[in-house]
Amino acid sequence: MNGDFICAILRYQTIFGGIMNTTEQLKEIADSSASRIAKESLAIMEGFQKELELVNPLKDMKKKGDKFPAFNLPNHEGKIVSSDDILKNGPMIVTFYRGAWCPYCNIELRGYQNLLSEIKNKGATLVAISPEVPDNSLTLVEKQGLGFLVLSDIDNKLSKELGLVFQLSKELVDTYKSFGIDLGASQGNDRNELPAPATYIISKDGSITFLEAKLDYKTRTDPKAVLEQL
């Protein structure tokens, strides 16, 4: 996988995004990318995934009924956004993604954008959060034309409170760099940590009413399923 392939994926999304749902698009990209990645790199990625599932960093994550941690995070323009202010207006959907460099995240966020008017009609606010610095979030918002809040969880502080974070192996970090993905540059630190993709619905009182987290980054909660939960 390289920069040209990621660009091809984004073009693919633009052409076929309106035909297939998010889950179908994710599977199509996963099948396509597996055939393009060098065997050595694919073995490192699959090996790390198996180890991650054995360790299960999500075992202590917050559960349905728990209070979602209050946050004050910068948006793509660097302005601080408060969860308390959001919840005054109604429930909140929060989806955690890995970064603008992740094609699977881009597909998921595009799926939410397609349903944004329906989410708003139900009185909810949609928030997408990643560990990337605001400058990278700005690039994502502009490229994808996103109309919802995109926030930066610097150093994964909020994700850690929720029990979503894990550290990548050196081999996987090096593999990502060979793809042109530099986590240090995108996150502004050398921690090499990522949140598991996860989606929450939070009620006005701050309670978690729905959540789903995925250790396999190639699969996501379909935005339509989240809309139904509202």
C-alpha atoms as a PDB file:
ATOM      1  CA  MET A   1       0.000   0.000   0.000  1.00  0.00           C
ATOM      2  CA  ASN A   2       1.349   3.448  -0.855  1.00  0.00           C
ATOM      3  CA  GLY A   3       0.171   7.000  -1.414  1.00  0.00           C
ATOM      4  CA  ASP A   4      -1.003   6.241  -4.961  1.00  0.00           C
ATOM      5  CA  PHE A   5      -3.096   3.345  -3.706  1.00  0.00           C
ATOM      6  CA  ILE A   6      -4.716   5.463  -1.003  1.00  0.00           C
ATOM      7  CA  CYS A   7      -5.575   8.085  -3.638  1.00  0.00           C
ATOM      8  CA  ALA A   8      -7.099   5.333  -5.762  1.00  0.00           C
ATOM      9  CA  ILE A   9      -9.191   4.238  -2.793  1.00  0.00           C
ATOM     10  CA  LEU A  10     -10.518   7.767  -2.305  1.00  0.00           C
ATOM     11  CA  ARG A  11     -11.424   7.986  -6.002  1.00  0.00           C
ATOM     12  CA  TYR A  12     -13.154   4.625  -5.652  1.00  0.00           C
ATOM     13  CA  GLN A  13     -15.185   5.950  -2.726  1.00  0.00           C
ATOM     14  CA  THR A  14     -16.306   8.943  -4.775  1.00  0.00           C
ATOM     15  CA  ILE A  15     -17.472   6.767  -7.667  1.00  0.00           C
ATOM     16  CA  PHE A  16     -19.097   3.897  -5.779  1.00  0.00           C
ATOM     17  CA  GLY A  17     -19.928   5.441  -2.396  1.00  0.00           C
ATOM     18  CA  GLY A  18     -23.530   6.067  -3.391  1.00  0.00           C
ATOM     19  CA  ILE A  19     -24.021   2.496  -4.646  1.00  0.00           C
ATOM     20  CA  MET A  20     -22.719   0.359  -1.774  1.00  0.00           C
ATOM     21  CA  ASN A  21     -23.331   0.866   1.923  1.00  0.00           C
ATOM     22  CA  THR A  22     -20.460   1.487   4.321  1.00  0.00           C
ATOM     23  CA  THR A  23     -20.038  -2.158   5.345  1.00  0.00           C
ATOM     24  CA  GLU A  24     -19.901  -3.277   1.714  1.00  0.00           C
ATOM     25  CA  GLN A  25     -17.368  -0.588   0.836  1.00  0.00           C
ATOM     26  CA  LEU A  26     -15.130  -1.602   3.743  1.00  0.00           C
ATOM     27  CA  LYS A  27     -15.114  -5.236   2.646  1.00  0.00           C
ATOM     28  CA  GLU A  28     -14.389  -4.273  -0.952  1.00  0.00           C
ATOM     29  CA  ILE A  29     -11.404  -2.138   0.085  1.00  0.00           C
ATOM     30  CA  ALA A  30     -10.089  -4.815   2.465  1.00  0.00           C
ATOM     31  CA  ASP A  31     -10.191  -7.452  -0.275  1.00  0.00           C
ATOM     32  CA  SER A  32      -8.558  -5.116  -2.787  1.00  0.00           C
ATOM     33  CA  SER A  33      -5.787  -3.881  -0.486  1.00  0.00           C
ATOM     34  CA  ALA A  34      -4.795  -7.390   0.649  1.00  0.00           C
ATOM     35  CA  SER A  35      -3.847  -8.253  -2.928  1.00  0.00           C
ATOM     36  CA  ARG A  36      -1.684  -5.114  -3.259  1.00  0.00           C
ATOM     37  CA  ILE A  37       0.326  -5.350  -0.045  1.00  0.00           C
ATOM     38  CA  ALA A  38       3.679  -7.148  -0.045  1.00  0.00           C
ATOM     39  CA  LYS A  39       3.536 -10.551   1.654  1.00  0.00           C
ATOM     40  CA  GLU A  40       6.097  -9.539   4.283  1.00  0.00           C
ATOM     41  CA  SER A  41       4.120  -6.431   5.228  1.00  0.00           C
ATOM     42  CA  LEU A  42       0.847  -8.322   5.244  1.00  0.00           C
ATOM     43  CA  ALA A  43       2.327 -10.952   7.576  1.00  0.00           C
ATOM     44  CA  ILE A  44       3.436  -8.233  10.030  1.00  0.00           C
ATOM     45  CA  MET A  45      -0.009  -6.609   9.976  1.00  0.00           C
ATOM     46  CA  GLU A  46      -1.882  -9.878  10.413  1.00  0.00           C
ATOM     47  CA  GLY A  47       0.518 -11.062  13.127  1.00  0.00           C
ATOM     48  CA  PHE A  48       0.009  -7.877  15.128  1.00  0.00           C
ATOM     49  CA  GLN A  49      -3.752  -8.179  14.747  1.00  0.00           C
ATOM     50  CA  LYS A  50      -3.702 -11.700  16.188  1.00  0.00           C
ATOM     51  CA  GLU A  51      -1.575 -10.581  19.141  1.00  0.00           C
ATOM     52  CA  LEU A  52      -3.900  -7.650  19.746  1.00  0.00           C
ATOM     53  CA  GLU A  53      -6.923  -9.927  19.905  1.00  0.00           C
ATOM     54  CA  LEU A  54      -5.142 -12.199  22.395  1.00  0.00           C
ATOM     55  CA  VAL A  55      -4.234  -9.276  24.678  1.00  0.00           C
ATOM     56  CA  ASN A  56      -7.648  -7.610  24.167  1.00  0.00           C
ATOM     57  CA  PRO A  57      -6.949  -4.003  25.199  1.00  0.00           C
ATOM     58  CA  LEU A  58     -10.721  -3.382  25.225  1.00  0.00           C
ATOM     59  CA  LYS A  59     -11.383  -5.647  28.196  1.00  0.00           C
ATOM     60  CA  ASP A  60     -11.553  -2.716  30.616  1.00  0.00           C
ATOM     61  CA  MET A  61     -13.356  -0.246  28.376  1.00  0.00           C
ATOM     62  CA  LYS A  62     -16.322   1.751  29.671  1.00  0.00           C
ATOM     63  CA  LYS A  63     -19.660   0.041  29.223  1.00  0.00           C
ATOM     64  CA  LYS A  64     -23.243   0.933  28.396  1.00  0.00           C
ATOM     65  CA  GLY A  65     -24.723   2.879  31.299  1.00  0.00           C
ATOM     66  CA  ASP A  66     -21.382   4.375  32.345  1.00  0.00           C
ATOM     67  CA  LYS A  67     -20.829   8.108  32.191  1.00  0.00           C
ATOM     68  CA  PHE A  68     -18.956   9.263  29.106  1.00  0.00           C
ATOM     69  CA  PRO A  69     -15.957  11.402  30.173  1.00  0.00           C
ATOM     70  CA  ALA A  70     -16.554  15.120  29.693  1.00  0.00           C
ATOM     71  CA  PHE A  71     -14.139  16.644  27.187  1.00  0.00           C
ATOM     72  CA  ASN A  72     -12.817  19.950  25.893  1.00  0.00           C
ATOM     73  CA  LEU A  73     -11.043  19.228  22.601  1.00  0.00           C
ATOM     74  CA  PRO A  74      -9.815  21.373  19.696  1.00  0.00           C
ATOM     75  CA  ASN A  75     -11.656  21.197  16.388  1.00  0.00           C
ATOM     76  CA  HIS A  76     -10.009  21.316  12.958  1.00  0.00           C
ATOM     77  CA  GLU A  77      -9.538  25.094  13.355  1.00  0.00           C
ATOM     78  CA  GLY A  78      -8.018  24.791  16.831  1.00  0.00           C
ATOM     79  CA  LYS A  79     -11.132  26.082  18.629  1.00  0.00           C
ATOM     80  CA  ILE A  80     -12.061  24.258  21.841  1.00  0.00           C
ATOM     81  CA  VAL A  81     -15.320  22.294  21.768  1.00  0.00           C
ATOM     82  CA  SER A  82     -17.013  21.208  25.013  1.00  0.00           C
ATOM     83  CA  SER A  83     -19.064  18.040  25.388  1.00  0.00           C
ATOM     84  CA  ASP A  84     -21.177  19.800  28.025  1.00  0.00           C
ATOM     85  CA  ASP A  85     -22.183  22.444  25.474  1.00  0.00           C
ATOM     86  CA  ILE A  86     -23.029  19.796  22.886  1.00  0.00           C
ATOM     87  CA  LEU A  87     -25.200  17.766  25.264  1.00  0.00           C
ATOM     88  CA  LYS A  88     -27.275  20.810  26.178  1.00  0.00           C
ATOM     89  CA  ASN A  89     -28.808  20.515  22.705  1.00  0.00           C
ATOM     90  CA  GLY A  90     -29.500  16.778  22.681  1.00  0.00           C
ATOM     91  CA  PRO A  91     -27.781  13.387  22.410  1.00  0.00           C
ATOM     92  CA  MET A  92     -24.326  13.042  20.914  1.00  0.00           C
ATOM     93  CA  ILE A  93     -22.828  10.443  18.581  1.00  0.00           C
ATOM     94  CA  VAL A  94     -19.072  10.085  19.013  1.00  0.00           C
ATOM     95  CA  THR A  95     -17.026   8.006  16.608  1.00  0.00           C
ATOM     96  CA  PHE A  96     -13.304   7.427  17.150  1.00  0.00           C
ATOM     97  CA  TYR A  97     -11.193   6.956  14.038  1.00  0.00           C
ATOM     98  CA  ARG A  98      -7.470   6.332  13.528  1.00  0.00           C
ATOM     99  CA  GLY A  99      -6.580   9.229  11.254  1.00  0.00           C
ATOM    100  CA  ALA A 100      -7.020  10.882   7.874  1.00  0.00           C
ATOM    101  CA  TRP A 101      -4.388   8.471   6.489  1.00  0.00           C
ATOM    102  CA  CYS A 102      -6.681   5.468   7.079  1.00  0.00           C
ATOM    103  CA  PRO A 103      -8.851   4.592   4.056  1.00  0.00           C
ATOM    104  CA  TYR A 104     -11.246   2.592   6.224  1.00  0.00           C
ATOM    105  CA  CYS A 105     -11.795   5.637   8.423  1.00  0.00           C
ATOM    106  CA  ASN A 106     -12.450   7.767   5.360  1.00  0.00           C
ATOM    107  CA  ILE A 107     -15.134   5.356   4.198  1.00  0.00           C
ATOM    108  CA  GLU A 108     -16.761   5.359   7.621  1.00  0.00           C
ATOM    109  CA  LEU A 109     -16.753   9.150   7.891  1.00  0.00           C
ATOM    110  CA  ARG A 110     -18.171   9.495   4.386  1.00  0.00           C
ATOM    111  CA  GLY A 111     -20.989   7.165   5.459  1.00  0.00           C
ATOM    112  CA  TYR A 112     -21.780   9.451   8.387  1.00  0.00           C
ATOM    113  CA  GLN A 113     -21.686  12.503   6.147  1.00  0.00           C
ATOM    114  CA  ASN A 114     -24.285  10.879   3.889  1.00  0.00           C
ATOM    115  CA  LEU A 115     -26.607  10.467   6.901  1.00  0.00           C
ATOM    116  CA  LEU A 116     -25.862  13.805   8.558  1.00  0.00           C
ATOM    117  CA  SER A 117     -29.214  15.430   7.775  1.00  0.00           C
ATOM    118  CA  GLU A 118     -31.074  12.438   9.254  1.00  0.00           C
ATOM    119  CA  ILE A 119     -28.903  12.538  12.378  1.00  0.00           C
ATOM    120  CA  LYS A 120     -29.649  16.238  12.822  1.00  0.00           C
ATOM    121  CA  ASN A 121     -33.359  15.623  12.272  1.00  0.00           C
ATOM    122  CA  LYS A 122     -33.275  13.305  15.276  1.00  0.00           C
ATOM    123  CA  GLY A 123     -31.817  16.133  17.365  1.00  0.00           C
ATOM    124  CA  ALA A 124     -28.345  14.599  17.709  1.00  0.00           C
ATOM    125  CA  THR A 125     -24.869  16.040  17.187  1.00  0.00           C
ATOM    126  CA  LEU A 126     -22.218  13.986  15.388  1.00  0.00           C
ATOM    127  CA  VAL A 127     -18.601  14.177  16.549  1.00  0.00           C
ATOM    128  CA  ALA A 128     -15.589  12.389  15.033  1.00  0.00           C
ATOM    129  CA  ILE A 129     -12.422  12.153  17.133  1.00  0.00           C
ATOM    130  CA  SER A 130      -8.878  11.044  16.297  1.00  0.00           C
ATOM    131  CA  PRO A 131      -5.420  11.494  17.862  1.00  0.00           C
ATOM    132  CA  GLU A 132      -4.296  13.611  14.911  1.00  0.00           C
ATOM    133  CA  VAL A 133      -3.291  17.242  15.375  1.00  0.00           C
ATOM    134  CA  PRO A 134      -5.823  19.888  14.204  1.00  0.00           C
ATOM    135  CA  ASP A 135      -3.907  20.650  10.986  1.00  0.00           C
ATOM    136  CA  ASN A 136      -4.425  17.086   9.787  1.00  0.00           C
ATOM    137  CA  SER A 137      -8.064  17.182  10.846  1.00  0.00           C
ATOM    138  CA  LEU A 138      -8.475  20.356   8.779  1.00  0.00           C
ATOM    139  CA  THR A 139      -7.098  18.567   5.726  1.00  0.00           C
ATOM    140  CA  LEU A 140      -9.567  15.733   6.263  1.00  0.00           C
ATOM    141  CA  VAL A 141     -12.542  18.082   6.656  1.00  0.00           C
ATOM    142  CA  GLU A 142     -11.636  19.966   3.489  1.00  0.00           C
ATOM    143  CA  LYS A 143     -10.931  16.888   1.347  1.00  0.00           C
ATOM    144  CA  GLN A 144     -14.019  14.987   2.467  1.00  0.00           C
ATOM    145  CA  GLY A 145     -16.319  18.003   2.734  1.00  0.00           C
ATOM    146  CA  LEU A 146     -17.423  16.965   6.228  1.00  0.00           C
ATOM    147  CA  GLY A 147     -20.201  18.975   7.859  1.00  0.00           C
ATOM    148  CA  PHE A 148     -19.846  17.634  11.408  1.00  0.00           C
ATOM    149  CA  LEU A 149     -17.418  18.224  14.272  1.00  0.00           C
ATOM    150  CA  VAL A 150     -13.942  16.720  13.806  1.00  0.00           C
ATOM    151  CA  LEU A 151     -11.889  16.938  17.004  1.00  0.00           C
ATOM    152  CA  SER A 152      -8.315  16.154  18.060  1.00  0.00           C
ATOM    153  CA  ASP A 153      -7.715  13.930  21.074  1.00  0.00           C
ATOM    154  CA  ILE A 154      -4.076  14.903  21.629  1.00  0.00           C
ATOM    155  CA  ASP A 155      -2.011  12.023  23.075  1.00  0.00           C
ATOM    156  CA  ASN A 156      -5.196   9.890  23.106  1.00  0.00           C
ATOM    157  CA  LYS A 157      -6.123  11.215  26.554  1.00  0.00           C
ATOM    158  CA  LEU A 158      -9.884  10.800  26.089  1.00  0.00           C
ATOM    159  CA  SER A 159      -9.483   7.454  24.323  1.00  0.00           C
ATOM    160  CA  LYS A 160      -7.415   6.195  27.254  1.00  0.00           C
ATOM    161  CA  GLU A 161     -10.147   7.177  29.704  1.00  0.00           C
ATOM    162  CA  LEU A 162     -12.522   5.043  27.644  1.00  0.00           C
ATOM    163  CA  GLY A 163     -10.106   2.080  27.481  1.00  0.00           C
ATOM    164  CA  LEU A 164      -9.628   2.138  23.700  1.00  0.00           C
ATOM    165  CA  VAL A 165      -5.881   2.683  23.258  1.00  0.00           C
ATOM    166  CA  PHE A 166      -3.114   0.257  22.338  1.00  0.00           C
ATOM    167  CA  GLN A 167       0.518   0.649  21.261  1.00  0.00           C
ATOM    168  CA  LEU A 168       1.783  -0.502  17.888  1.00  0.00           C
ATOM    169  CA  SER A 169       4.811  -2.760  17.571  1.00  0.00           C
ATOM    170  CA  LYS A 170       8.020  -1.336  16.078  1.00  0.00           C
ATOM    171  CA  GLU A 171       7.623  -3.686  13.113  1.00  0.00           C
ATOM    172  CA  LEU A 172       4.140  -2.368  12.398  1.00  0.00           C
ATOM    173  CA  VAL A 173       5.245   1.258  12.794  1.00  0.00           C
ATOM    174  CA  ASP A 174       8.035   0.638  10.272  1.00  0.00           C
ATOM    175  CA  THR A 175       5.586  -1.075   7.937  1.00  0.00           C
ATOM    176  CA  TYR A 176       3.256   1.910   8.105  1.00  0.00           C
ATOM    177  CA  LYS A 177       6.184   4.200   7.332  1.00  0.00           C
ATOM    178  CA  SER A 178       6.920   2.129   4.229  1.00  0.00           C
ATOM    179  CA  PHE A 179       3.342   2.946   3.168  1.00  0.00           C
ATOM    180  CA  GLY A 180       4.004   6.656   3.683  1.00  0.00           C
ATOM    181  CA  ILE A 181       2.119   6.756   7.012  1.00  0.00           C
ATOM    182  CA  ASP A 182       4.046   8.595   9.749  1.00  0.00           C
ATOM    183  CA  LEU A 183       2.121   8.455  13.015  1.00  0.00           C
ATOM    184  CA  GLY A 184       4.636  10.721  14.742  1.00  0.00           C
ATOM    185  CA  ALA A 185       4.011  13.475  12.211  1.00  0.00           C
ATOM    186  CA  SER A 186       0.226  13.052  12.167  1.00  0.00           C
ATOM    187  CA  GLN A 187      -0.142  12.940  15.965  1.00  0.00           C
ATOM    188  CA  GLY A 188       2.694  15.223  17.016  1.00  0.00           C
ATOM    189  CA  ASN A 189       4.304  12.680  19.355  1.00  0.00           C
ATOM    190  CA  ASP A 190       6.367   9.484  19.299  1.00  0.00           C
ATOM    191  CA  ARG A 191       4.004   7.291  21.322  1.00  0.00           C
ATOM    192  CA  ASN A 192       2.902   5.111  18.371  1.00  0.00           C
ATOM    193  CA  GLU A 193      -0.537   4.618  19.919  1.00  0.00           C
ATOM    194  CA  LEU A 194      -3.935   4.327  18.279  1.00  0.00           C
ATOM    195  CA  PRO A 195      -7.509   4.055  19.507  1.00  0.00           C
ATOM    196  CA  ALA A 196      -9.583   1.096  18.459  1.00  0.00           C
ATOM    197  CA  PRO A 197     -12.317   2.350  16.131  1.00  0.00           C
ATOM    198  CA  ALA A 198     -15.357   2.836  18.351  1.00  0.00           C
ATOM    199  CA  THR A 199     -18.758   4.503  18.255  1.00  0.00           C
ATOM    200  CA  TYR A 200     -20.862   5.788  21.143  1.00  0.00           C
ATOM    201  CA  ILE A 201     -24.252   7.357  21.618  1.00  0.00           C
ATOM    202  CA  ILE A 202     -24.380   9.579  24.699  1.00  0.00           C
ATOM    203  CA  SER A 203     -27.641  10.819  26.194  1.00  0.00           C
ATOM    204  CA  LYS A 204     -28.185  14.387  27.412  1.00  0.00           C
ATOM    205  CA  ASP A 205     -27.245  13.371  30.955  1.00  0.00           C
ATOM    206  CA  GLY A 206     -23.875  12.075  29.751  1.00  0.00           C
ATOM    207  CA  SER A 207     -24.679   8.357  29.986  1.00  0.00           C
ATOM    208  CA  ILE A 208     -23.534   5.899  27.327  1.00  0.00           C
ATOM    209  CA  THR A 209     -26.659   4.392  25.760  1.00  0.00           C
ATOM    210  CA  PHE A 210     -24.935   2.562  22.903  1.00  0.00           C
ATOM    211  CA  LEU A 211     -21.354   1.586  22.136  1.00  0.00           C
ATOM    212  CA  GLU A 212     -19.447  -0.685  19.835  1.00  0.00           C
ATOM    213  CA  ALA A 213     -15.662  -0.959  19.497  1.00  0.00           C
ATOM    214  CA  LYS A 214     -13.697  -2.920  16.911  1.00  0.00           C
ATOM    215  CA  LEU A 215     -10.201  -4.373  17.328  1.00  0.00           C
ATOM    216  CA  ASP A 216     -10.195  -5.175  13.611  1.00  0.00           C
ATOM    217  CA  TYR A 217      -9.721  -1.761  11.963  1.00  0.00           C
ATOM    218  CA  LYS A 218     -11.157  -3.087   8.688  1.00  0.00           C
ATOM    219  CA  THR A 219     -14.634  -3.396  10.195  1.00  0.00           C
ATOM    220  CA  ARG A 220     -16.786  -0.590  11.627  1.00  0.00           C
ATOM    221  CA  THR A 221     -20.244  -0.109  13.049  1.00  0.00           C
ATOM    222  CA  ASP A 222     -22.342   0.828  10.040  1.00  0.00           C
ATOM    223  CA  PRO A 223     -23.562   4.444  10.361  1.00  0.00           C
ATOM    224  CA  LYS A 224     -27.080   3.316   9.419  1.00  0.00           C
ATOM    225  CA  ALA A 225     -27.117   0.986  12.430  1.00  0.00           C
ATOM    226  CA  VAL A 226     -26.065   3.872  14.659  1.00  0.00           C
ATOM    227  CA  LEU A 227     -28.839   6.047  13.206  1.00  0.00           C
ATOM    228  CA  GLU A 228     -31.372   3.338  14.034  1.00  0.00           C
ATOM    229  CA  GLN A 229     -30.144   3.309  17.650  1.00  0.00           C
ATOM    230  CA  LEU A 230     -31.058   6.998  17.992  1.00  0.00           C
END
